[in-house]
PDB file of N, CA and C in Angstrom:
ATOM      1  N   MET A   1      -7.311   5.764  -6.348  1.00  0.00           N
ATOM      2  CA  MET A   1      -6.084   4.933  -6.033  1.00  0.00           C
ATOM      3  C   MET A   1      -6.438   3.925  -5.087  1.00  0.00           C
ATOM      4  N   ILE A   2      -7.192   4.301  -3.925  1.00  0.00           N
ATOM      5  CA  ILE A   2      -7.644   3.332  -2.789  1.00  0.00           C
ATOM      6  C   ILE A   2      -8.341   2.248  -3.367  1.00  0.00           C
ATOM      7  N   ALA A   3      -9.295   2.600  -4.243  1.00  0.00           N
ATOM      8  CA  ALA A   3     -10.220   1.662  -4.773  1.00  0.00           C
ATOM      9  C   ALA A   3      -9.549   0.545  -5.575  1.00  0.00           C
ATOM     10  N   ARG A   4      -8.314   0.878  -5.995  1.00  0.00           N
ATOM     11  CA  ARG A   4      -7.523   0.049  -6.876  1.00  0.00           C
ATOM     12  C   ARG A   4      -6.196  -0.434  -6.196  1.00  0.00           C
ATOM     13  N   LEU A   5      -6.232  -0.519  -4.889  1.00  0.00           N
ATOM     14  CA  LEU A   5      -4.961  -0.957  -4.196  1.00  0.00           C
ATOM     15  C   LEU A   5      -4.232  -2.150  -4.829  1.00  0.00           C
ATOM     16  N   ASP A   6      -5.141  -3.013  -5.197  1.00  0.00           N
ATOM     17  CA  ASP A   6      -4.552  -4.288  -5.674  1.00  0.00           C
ATOM     18  C   ASP A   6      -4.007  -4.397  -6.980  1.00  0.00           C
ATOM     19  N   GLU A   7      -4.158  -3.250  -7.691  1.00  0.00           N
ATOM     20  CA  GLU A   7      -3.553  -3.016  -9.106  1.00  0.00           C
ATOM     21  C   GLU A   7      -2.397  -2.317  -9.222  1.00  0.00           C
ATOM     22  N   ASP A   8      -1.653  -2.447 -10.404  1.00  0.00           N
ATOM     23  CA  ASP A   8      -0.612  -1.531 -10.668  1.00  0.00           C
ATOM     24  C   ASP A   8      -1.183  -0.410 -11.549  1.00  0.00           C
ATOM     25  N   ILE A   9      -1.085   0.842 -11.024  1.00  0.00           N
ATOM     26  CA  ILE A   9      -1.642   1.929 -11.705  1.00  0.00           C
ATOM     27  C   ILE A   9      -0.423   2.837 -12.179  1.00  0.00           C
ATOM     28  N   ALA A  10      -0.488   3.215 -13.559  1.00  0.00           N
ATOM     29  CA  ALA A  10       0.560   3.955 -13.984  1.00  0.00           C
ATOM     30  C   ALA A  10       0.250   5.360 -13.543  1.00  0.00           C
ATOM     31  N   LEU A  11       1.333   6.162 -13.277  1.00  0.00           N
ATOM     32  CA  LEU A  11       1.513   7.454 -12.922  1.00  0.00           C
ATOM     33  C   LEU A  11       0.731   8.324 -14.052  1.00  0.00           C
ATOM     34  N   GLU A  12       1.032   7.929 -15.228  1.00  0.00           N
ATOM     35  CA  GLU A  12       0.576   8.719 -16.425  1.00  0.00           C
ATOM     36  C   GLU A  12      -0.949   8.578 -16.469  1.00  0.00           C
ATOM     37  N   GLU A  13      -1.418   7.352 -16.036  1.00  0.00           N
ATOM     38  CA  GLU A  13      -2.932   7.270 -16.092  1.00  0.00           C
ATOM     39  C   GLU A  13      -3.626   8.146 -15.107  1.00  0.00           C
ATOM     40  N   ILE A  14      -3.050   8.104 -13.897  1.00  0.00           N
ATOM     41  CA  ILE A  14      -3.600   8.992 -12.693  1.00  0.00           C
ATOM     42  C   ILE A  14      -3.501  10.434 -13.138  1.00  0.00           C
ATOM     43  N   ALA A  15      -2.319  10.932 -13.566  1.00  0.00           N
ATOM     44  CA  ALA A  15      -2.201  12.223 -14.009  1.00  0.00           C
ATOM     45  C   ALA A  15      -3.195  12.634 -15.093  1.00  0.00           C
ATOM     46  N   ARG A  16      -3.397  11.836 -16.061  1.00  0.00           N
ATOM     47  CA  ARG A  16      -4.228  12.022 -17.059  1.00  0.00           C
ATOM     48  C   ARG A  16      -5.669  12.260 -16.631  1.00  0.00           C
ATOM     49  N   GLU A  17      -6.089  11.299 -15.716  1.00  0.00           N
ATOM     50  CA  GLU A  17      -7.494  11.499 -15.056  1.00  0.00           C
ATOM     51  C   GLU A  17      -7.639  12.691 -14.347  1.00  0.00           C
ATOM     52  N   CYS A  18      -6.564  13.306 -13.750  1.00  0.00           N
ATOM     53  CA  CYS A  18      -6.603  14.510 -13.012  1.00  0.00           C
ATOM     54  C   CYS A  18      -6.407  15.698 -13.905  1.00  0.00           C
ATOM     55  N   GLY A  19      -6.124  15.460 -15.207  1.00  0.00           N
ATOM     56  CA  GLY A  19      -6.009  16.500 -16.201  1.00  0.00           C
ATOM     57  C   GLY A  19      -4.663  17.306 -16.010  1.00  0.00           C
ATOM     58  N   LEU A  20      -3.656  16.544 -15.528  1.00  0.00           N
ATOM     59  CA  LEU A  20      -2.231  17.010 -15.255  1.00  0.00           C
ATOM     60  C   LEU A  20      -1.342  16.319 -16.120  1.00  0.00           C
ATOM     61  N   SER A  21      -0.027  16.997 -16.275  1.00  0.00           N
ATOM     62  CA  SER A  21       1.111  16.324 -16.721  1.00  0.00           C
ATOM     63  C   SER A  21       1.619  15.425 -15.621  1.00  0.00           C
ATOM     64  N   ARG A  22       2.354  14.413 -16.001  1.00  0.00           N
ATOM     65  CA  ARG A  22       3.119  13.481 -15.079  1.00  0.00           C
ATOM     66  C   ARG A  22       3.925  14.212 -13.882  1.00  0.00           C
ATOM     67  N   SER A  23       4.683  15.217 -14.391  1.00  0.00           N
ATOM     68  CA  SER A  23       5.438  16.006 -13.438  1.00  0.00           C
ATOM     69  C   SER A  23       4.742  16.804 -12.708  1.00  0.00           C
ATOM     70  N   HIS A  24       3.686  17.596 -13.206  1.00  0.00           N
ATOM     71  CA  HIS A  24       2.905  18.377 -12.270  1.00  0.00           C
ATOM     72  C   HIS A  24       2.130  17.602 -11.441  1.00  0.00           C
ATOM     73  N   PHE A  25       1.538  16.460 -11.705  1.00  0.00           N
ATOM     74  CA  PHE A  25       0.905  15.535 -10.893  1.00  0.00           C
ATOM     75  C   PHE A  25       1.761  15.270  -9.643  1.00  0.00           C
ATOM     76  N   LEU A  26       2.959  14.767 -10.099  1.00  0.00           N
ATOM     77  CA  LEU A  26       3.969  14.304  -8.925  1.00  0.00           C
ATOM     78  C   LEU A  26       4.215  15.467  -7.838  1.00  0.00           C
ATOM     79  N   ARG A  27       4.427  16.715  -8.493  1.00  0.00           N
ATOM     80  CA  ARG A  27       4.648  17.783  -7.470  1.00  0.00           C
ATOM     81  C   ARG A  27       3.408  18.106  -6.655  1.00  0.00           C
ATOM     82  N   ALA A  28       2.258  18.174  -7.337  1.00  0.00           N
ATOM     83  CA  ALA A  28       1.081  18.484  -6.547  1.00  0.00           C
ATOM     84  C   ALA A  28       0.712  17.381  -5.593  1.00  0.00           C
ATOM     85  N   PHE A  29       0.864  16.110  -5.888  1.00  0.00           N
ATOM     86  CA  PHE A  29       0.597  15.111  -5.050  1.00  0.00           C
ATOM     87  C   PHE A  29       1.365  15.143  -3.731  1.00  0.00           C
ATOM     88  N   LYS A  30       2.690  15.291  -3.940  1.00  0.00           N
ATOM     89  CA  LYS A  30       3.635  15.360  -2.766  1.00  0.00           C
ATOM     90  C   LYS A  30       3.261  16.502  -2.004  1.00  0.00           C
ATOM     91  N   ARG A  31       3.007  17.668  -2.540  1.00  0.00           N
ATOM     92  CA  ARG A  31       2.596  18.903  -1.884  1.00  0.00           C
ATOM     93  C   ARG A  31       1.369  18.595  -1.048  1.00  0.00           C
ATOM     94  N   THR A  32       0.471  17.839  -1.495  1.00  0.00           N
ATOM     95  CA  THR A  32      -0.884  17.806  -0.932  1.00  0.00           C
ATOM     96  C   THR A  32      -0.891  16.565   0.165  1.00  0.00           C
ATOM     97  N   ALA A  33      -0.355  15.544  -0.323  1.00  0.00           N
ATOM     98  CA  ALA A  33      -0.312  14.421   0.623  1.00  0.00           C
ATOM     99  C   ALA A  33       0.856  14.181   1.499  1.00  0.00           C
ATOM    100  N   GLY A  34       1.940  14.988   1.241  1.00  0.00           N
ATOM    101  CA  GLY A  34       3.137  15.043   1.977  1.00  0.00           C
ATOM    102  C   GLY A  34       4.068  13.747   1.740  1.00  0.00           C
ATOM    103  N   LEU A  35       3.579  12.971   0.804  1.00  0.00           N
ATOM    104  CA  LEU A  35       4.515  11.880   0.297  1.00  0.00           C
ATOM    105  C   LEU A  35       4.374  11.854  -1.204  1.00  0.00           C
ATOM    106  N   PRO A  36       5.542  11.269  -1.696  1.00  0.00           N
ATOM    107  CA  PRO A  36       5.288  10.915  -3.278  1.00  0.00           C
ATOM    108  C   PRO A  36       4.218   9.806  -3.394  1.00  0.00           C
ATOM    109  N   PRO A  37       3.733   9.790  -4.506  1.00  0.00           N
ATOM    110  CA  PRO A  37       2.514   8.781  -4.829  1.00  0.00           C
ATOM    111  C   PRO A  37       2.880   7.358  -4.445  1.00  0.00           C
ATOM    112  N   HIS A  38       4.032   6.826  -4.851  1.00  0.00           N
ATOM    113  CA  HIS A  38       4.422   5.406  -4.555  1.00  0.00           C
ATOM    114  C   HIS A  38       4.513   5.209  -3.060  1.00  0.00           C
ATOM    115  N   ARG A  39       5.215   6.116  -2.288  1.00  0.00           N
ATOM    116  CA  ARG A  39       5.178   5.879  -1.013  1.00  0.00           C
ATOM    117  C   ARG A  39       3.809   5.917  -0.213  1.00  0.00           C
ATOM    118  N   TRP A  40       3.091   6.873  -0.689  1.00  0.00           N
ATOM    119  CA  TRP A  40       1.721   6.959  -0.208  1.00  0.00           C
ATOM    120  C   TRP A  40       0.798   5.741  -0.466  1.00  0.00           C
ATOM    121  N   LEU A  41       1.103   5.192  -1.718  1.00  0.00           N
ATOM    122  CA  LEU A  41       0.382   3.894  -2.163  1.00  0.00           C
ATOM    123  C   LEU A  41       0.793   2.792  -1.189  1.00  0.00           C
ATOM    124  N   MET A  42       2.053   2.615  -1.007  1.00  0.00           N
ATOM    125  CA  MET A  42       2.470   1.531  -0.062  1.00  0.00           C
ATOM    126  C   MET A  42       2.047   1.646   1.245  1.00  0.00           C
ATOM    127  N   ALA A  43       1.868   2.892   1.795  1.00  0.00           N
ATOM    128  CA  ALA A  43       1.399   3.104   3.045  1.00  0.00           C
ATOM    129  C   ALA A  43      -0.215   2.794   3.142  1.00  0.00           C
ATOM    130  N   GLN A  44      -0.903   3.120   2.077  1.00  0.00           N
ATOM    131  CA  GLN A  44      -2.396   2.674   2.079  1.00  0.00           C
ATOM    132  C   GLN A  44      -2.439   1.205   1.965  1.00  0.00           C
ATOM    133  N   ARG A  45      -1.593   0.600   1.214  1.00  0.00           N
ATOM    134  CA  ARG A  45      -1.604  -0.927   1.098  1.00  0.00           C
ATOM    135  C   ARG A  45      -1.286  -1.501   2.533  1.00  0.00           C
ATOM    136  N   VAL A  46      -0.425  -0.883   3.230  1.00  0.00           N
ATOM    137  CA  VAL A  46      -0.071  -1.426   4.550  1.00  0.00           C
ATOM    138  C   VAL A  46      -1.282  -1.382   5.457  1.00  0.00           C
ATOM    139  N   GLU A  47      -1.976  -0.132   5.439  1.00  0.00           N
ATOM    140  CA  GLU A  47      -3.074  -0.034   6.202  1.00  0.00           C
ATOM    141  C   GLU A  47      -4.152  -0.958   5.986  1.00  0.00           C
ATOM    142  N   ARG A  48      -4.398  -1.275   4.639  1.00  0.00           N
ATOM    143  CA  ARG A  48      -5.419  -2.158   4.114  1.00  0.00           C
ATOM    144  C   ARG A  48      -4.984  -3.711   4.689  1.00  0.00           C
ATOM    145  N   ALA A  49      -3.828  -3.949   4.594  1.00  0.00           N
ATOM    146  CA  ALA A  49      -3.268  -5.227   5.118  1.00  0.00           C
ATOM    147  C   ALA A  49      -3.543  -5.417   6.609  1.00  0.00           C
ATOM    148  N   LYS A  50      -3.289  -4.294   7.475  1.00  0.00           N
ATOM    149  CA  LYS A  50      -3.509  -4.353   8.741  1.00  0.00           C
ATOM    150  C   LYS A  50      -5.014  -4.754   9.117  1.00  0.00           C
ATOM    151  N   GLU A  51      -5.875  -4.124   8.287  1.00  0.00           N
ATOM    152  CA  GLU A  51      -7.392  -4.444   8.397  1.00  0.00           C
ATOM    153  C   GLU A  51      -7.580  -5.895   8.261  1.00  0.00           C
ATOM    154  N   LEU A  52      -7.013  -6.436   7.156  1.00  0.00           N
ATOM    155  CA  LEU A  52      -7.165  -7.896   6.766  1.00  0.00           C
ATOM    156  C   LEU A  52      -6.563  -8.765   7.882  1.00  0.00           C
ATOM    157  N   LEU A  53      -5.382  -8.340   8.395  1.00  0.00           N
ATOM    158  CA  LEU A  53      -4.622  -9.055   9.479  1.00  0.00           C
ATOM    159  C   LEU A  53      -5.468  -9.297  10.688  1.00  0.00           C
ATOM    160  N   LEU A  54      -6.318  -8.177  11.043  1.00  0.00           N
ATOM    161  CA  LEU A  54      -7.094  -8.221  12.256  1.00  0.00           C
ATOM    162  C   LEU A  54      -8.446  -8.879  11.963  1.00  0.00           C
ATOM    163  N   GLY A  55      -9.035  -8.673  10.831  1.00  0.00           N
ATOM    164  CA  GLY A  55     -10.308  -9.073  10.498  1.00  0.00           C
ATOM    165  C   GLY A  55     -10.627 -10.347   9.838  1.00  0.00           C
ATOM    166  N   THR A  56      -9.550 -10.962   9.494  1.00  0.00           N
ATOM    167  CA  THR A  56      -9.639 -12.298   8.749  1.00  0.00           C
ATOM    168  C   THR A  56      -8.575 -13.298   9.304  1.00  0.00           C
ATOM    169  N   THR A  57      -8.842 -14.496   8.816  1.00  0.00           N
ATOM    170  CA  THR A  57      -7.951 -15.680   8.992  1.00  0.00           C
ATOM    171  C   THR A  57      -7.096 -15.942   7.656  1.00  0.00           C
ATOM    172  N   THR A  58      -7.086 -15.012   6.747  1.00  0.00           N
ATOM    173  CA  THR A  58      -6.654 -15.157   5.517  1.00  0.00           C
ATOM    174  C   THR A  58      -5.037 -15.204   5.552  1.00  0.00           C
ATOM    175  N   SER A  59      -4.427 -16.051   4.774  1.00  0.00           N
ATOM    176  CA  SER A  59      -2.914 -16.301   4.757  1.00  0.00           C
ATOM    177  C   SER A  59      -2.191 -14.912   4.416  1.00  0.00           C
ATOM    178  N   LEU A  60      -1.062 -14.866   4.794  1.00  0.00           N
ATOM    179  CA  LEU A  60      -0.114 -13.705   4.596  1.00  0.00           C
ATOM    180  C   LEU A  60       0.038 -13.463   3.069  1.00  0.00           C
ATOM    181  N   SER A  61       0.160 -14.610   2.340  1.00  0.00           N
ATOM    182  CA  SER A  61       0.365 -14.482   0.851  1.00  0.00           C
ATOM    183  C   SER A  61      -0.872 -14.042   0.268  1.00  0.00           C
ATOM    184  N   ALA A  62      -2.113 -14.350   0.696  1.00  0.00           N
ATOM    185  CA  ALA A  62      -3.379 -14.184   0.140  1.00  0.00           C
ATOM    186  C   ALA A  62      -3.493 -12.402   0.459  1.00  0.00           C
ATOM    187  N   ILE A  63      -3.263 -12.146   1.636  1.00  0.00           N
ATOM    188  CA  ILE A  63      -3.213 -10.746   1.956  1.00  0.00           C
ATOM    189  C   ILE A  63      -2.374  -9.901   1.128  1.00  0.00           C
ATOM    190  N   ALA A  64      -1.165 -10.326   0.919  1.00  0.00           N
ATOM    191  CA  ALA A  64      -0.295  -9.599  -0.039  1.00  0.00           C
ATOM    192  C   ALA A  64      -0.757  -9.429  -1.261  1.00  0.00           C
ATOM    193  N   ALA A  65      -1.406 -10.547  -1.865  1.00  0.00           N
ATOM    194  CA  ALA A  65      -1.835 -10.313  -3.230  1.00  0.00           C
ATOM    195  C   ALA A  65      -3.238  -9.461  -3.127  1.00  0.00           C
ATOM    196  N   ALA A  66      -3.939  -9.435  -2.254  1.00  0.00           N
ATOM    197  CA  ALA A  66      -5.193  -8.612  -2.149  1.00  0.00           C
ATOM    198  C   ALA A  66      -4.826  -7.237  -2.042  1.00  0.00           C
ATOM    199  N   CYS A  67      -3.741  -6.874  -1.486  1.00  0.00           N
ATOM    200  CA  CYS A  67      -3.440  -5.429  -1.175  1.00  0.00           C
ATOM    201  C   CYS A  67      -2.443  -4.971  -2.186  1.00  0.00           C
ATOM    202  N   GLY A  68      -2.140  -5.741  -3.324  1.00  0.00           N
ATOM    203  CA  GLY A  68      -1.151  -5.322  -4.459  1.00  0.00           C
ATOM    204  C   GLY A  68       0.220  -5.469  -4.308  1.00  0.00           C
ATOM    205  N   PHE A  69       0.748  -6.150  -3.315  1.00  0.00           N
ATOM    206  CA  PHE A  69       2.095  -6.439  -3.340  1.00  0.00           C
ATOM    207  C   PHE A  69       2.511  -7.572  -4.236  1.00  0.00           C
ATOM    208  N   ALA A  70       3.731  -7.482  -4.618  1.00  0.00           N
ATOM    209  CA  ALA A  70       4.077  -8.503  -5.760  1.00  0.00           C
ATOM    210  C   ALA A  70       4.093  -9.922  -5.217  1.00  0.00           C
ATOM    211  N   ASP A  71       4.509 -10.026  -3.902  1.00  0.00           N
ATOM    212  CA  ASP A  71       4.394 -11.381  -3.245  1.00  0.00           C
ATOM    213  C   ASP A  71       4.526 -11.165  -1.748  1.00  0.00           C
ATOM    214  N   GLN A  72       4.617 -12.253  -1.057  1.00  0.00           N
ATOM    215  CA  GLN A  72       4.595 -12.222   0.345  1.00  0.00           C
ATOM    216  C   GLN A  72       6.055 -11.614   0.833  1.00  0.00           C
ATOM    217  N   SER A  73       6.939 -11.863   0.228  1.00  0.00           N
ATOM    218  CA  SER A  73       8.279 -11.226   0.599  1.00  0.00           C
ATOM    219  C   SER A  73       8.269  -9.685   0.409  1.00  0.00           C
ATOM    220  N   HIS A  74       7.696  -9.264  -0.615  1.00  0.00           N
ATOM    221  CA  HIS A  74       7.622  -7.833  -0.933  1.00  0.00           C
ATOM    222  C   HIS A  74       6.659  -7.199   0.213  1.00  0.00           C
ATOM    223  N   PHE A  75       5.610  -7.819   0.429  1.00  0.00           N
ATOM    224  CA  PHE A  75       4.663  -7.492   1.415  1.00  0.00           C
ATOM    225  C   PHE A  75       5.502  -7.344   2.742  1.00  0.00           C
ATOM    226  N   THR A  76       6.053  -8.343   3.229  1.00  0.00           N
ATOM    227  CA  THR A  76       6.911  -8.371   4.449  1.00  0.00           C
ATOM    228  C   THR A  76       7.974  -7.301   4.613  1.00  0.00           C
ATOM    229  N   ARG A  77       8.643  -7.051   3.517  1.00  0.00           N
ATOM    230  CA  ARG A  77       9.713  -5.934   3.491  1.00  0.00           C
ATOM    231  C   ARG A  77       9.099  -4.577   3.565  1.00  0.00           C
ATOM    232  N   VAL A  78       8.001  -4.345   2.916  1.00  0.00           N
ATOM    233  CA  VAL A  78       7.320  -3.117   2.915  1.00  0.00           C
ATOM    234  C   VAL A  78       6.713  -2.830   4.400  1.00  0.00           C
ATOM    235  N   PHE A  79       5.957  -3.791   4.805  1.00  0.00           N
ATOM    236  CA  PHE A  79       5.217  -3.711   5.983  1.00  0.00           C
ATOM    237  C   PHE A  79       6.318  -3.451   7.320  1.00  0.00           C
ATOM    238  N   SER A  80       7.417  -4.249   7.202  1.00  0.00           N
ATOM    239  CA  SER A  80       8.481  -4.164   8.246  1.00  0.00           C
ATOM    240  C   SER A  80       9.115  -2.770   8.069  1.00  0.00           C
ATOM    241  N   ARG A  81       9.266  -2.231   6.976  1.00  0.00           N
ATOM    242  CA  ARG A  81       9.895  -0.819   6.989  1.00  0.00           C
ATOM    243  C   ARG A  81       9.007   0.186   7.405  1.00  0.00           C
ATOM    244  N   ILE A  82       7.645   0.111   7.185  1.00  0.00           N
ATOM    245  CA  ILE A  82       6.678   1.018   7.667  1.00  0.00           C
ATOM    246  C   ILE A  82       6.290   0.946   9.083  1.00  0.00           C
ATOM    247  N   VAL A  83       6.127  -0.359   9.447  1.00  0.00           N
ATOM    248  CA  VAL A  83       5.516  -0.439  10.829  1.00  0.00           C
ATOM    249  C   VAL A  83       6.505  -0.730  11.780  1.00  0.00           C
ATOM    250  N   GLY A  84       7.644  -1.324  11.397  1.00  0.00           N
ATOM    251  CA  GLY A  84       8.621  -1.696  12.354  1.00  0.00           C
ATOM    252  C   GLY A  84       8.855  -3.202  12.829  1.00  0.00           C
ATOM    253  N   THR A  85       7.936  -3.930  12.252  1.00  0.00           N
ATOM    254  CA  THR A  85       7.936  -5.427  12.607  1.00  0.00           C
ATOM    255  C   THR A  85       7.207  -6.121  11.492  1.00  0.00           C
ATOM    256  N   THR A  86       7.279  -7.417  11.546  1.00  0.00           N
ATOM    257  CA  THR A  86       6.730  -8.198  10.239  1.00  0.00           C
ATOM    258  C   THR A  86       5.134  -8.272  10.578  1.00  0.00           C
ATOM    259  N   PRO A  87       4.663  -8.611   9.349  1.00  0.00           N
ATOM    260  CA  PRO A  87       3.140  -8.697   9.442  1.00  0.00           C
ATOM    261  C   PRO A  87       2.675  -9.808  10.362  1.00  0.00           C
ATOM    262  N   GLY A  88       3.331 -10.942  10.521  1.00  0.00           N
ATOM    263  CA  GLY A  88       2.932 -12.113  11.443  1.00  0.00           C
ATOM    264  C   GLY A  88       3.020 -11.590  12.676  1.00  0.00           C
ATOM    265  N   ALA A  89       4.147 -10.974  13.143  1.00  0.00           N
ATOM    266  CA  ALA A  89       4.449 -10.628  14.563  1.00  0.00           C
ATOM    267  C   ALA A  89       3.394  -9.469  14.938  1.00  0.00           C
ATOM    268  N   TRP A  90       3.138  -8.609  14.088  1.00  0.00           N
ATOM    269  CA  TRP A  90       2.137  -7.539  14.321  1.00  0.00           C
ATOM    270  C   TRP A  90       0.693  -8.106  14.570  1.00  0.00           C
ATOM    271  N   GLN A  91       0.401  -9.118  13.837  1.00  0.00           N
ATOM    272  CA  GLN A  91      -0.908  -9.716  13.986  1.00  0.00           C
ATOM    273  C   GLN A  91      -0.946 -10.527  15.267  1.00  0.00           C
ATOM    274  N   ARG A  92       0.226 -11.188  15.471  1.00  0.00           N
ATOM    275  CA  ARG A  92       0.069 -11.945  16.793  1.00  0.00           C
ATOM    276  C   ARG A  92       0.023 -10.997  18.045  1.00  0.00           C
ATOM    277  N   ASP A  93       0.723  -9.959  18.011  1.00  0.00           N
ATOM    278  CA  ASP A  93       0.766  -8.887  19.037  1.00  0.00           C
ATOM    279  C   ASP A  93      -0.528  -8.349  19.198  1.00  0.00           C
ATOM    280  N   ARG A  94      -1.378  -8.205  18.112  1.00  0.00           N
ATOM    281  CA  ARG A  94      -2.725  -7.427  18.261  1.00  0.00           C
ATOM    282  C   ARG A  94      -3.821  -8.478  18.601  1.00  0.00           C
ATOM    283  N   LYS A  95      -3.655  -9.745  18.189  1.00  0.00           N
ATOM    284  CA  LYS A  95      -4.764 -10.788  18.457  1.00  0.00           C
ATOM    285  C   LYS A  95      -4.510 -11.599  19.789  1.00  0.00           C
ATOM    286  N   GLY A  96      -3.189 -11.358  20.352  1.00  0.00           N
ATOM    287  CA  GLY A  96      -2.903 -11.894  21.708  1.00  0.00           C
ATOM    288  C   GLY A  96      -3.177 -13.310  21.867  1.00  0.00           C
TER     289      GLY A  96
END
């Protein structure tokens, strides 16, 4: 899933690759990772976005696309919910 952060991956596809039914995969994933797959995926996308925010001068919209968010607005909403501040503010605070 991490290798394909920028793609939409169907749960059925992941479950099939693991040799599990969709429902069994969901239960096993949450038990193992501590989060449902979608929330875990969003958290991983935010972590990747943080790396790009610190390591590049790429625009927020390009970072959003590279990390699999629907658009910059979606990226900002998810990032703000998880981190507690907007991507731009987080980047400014870190780059000083």
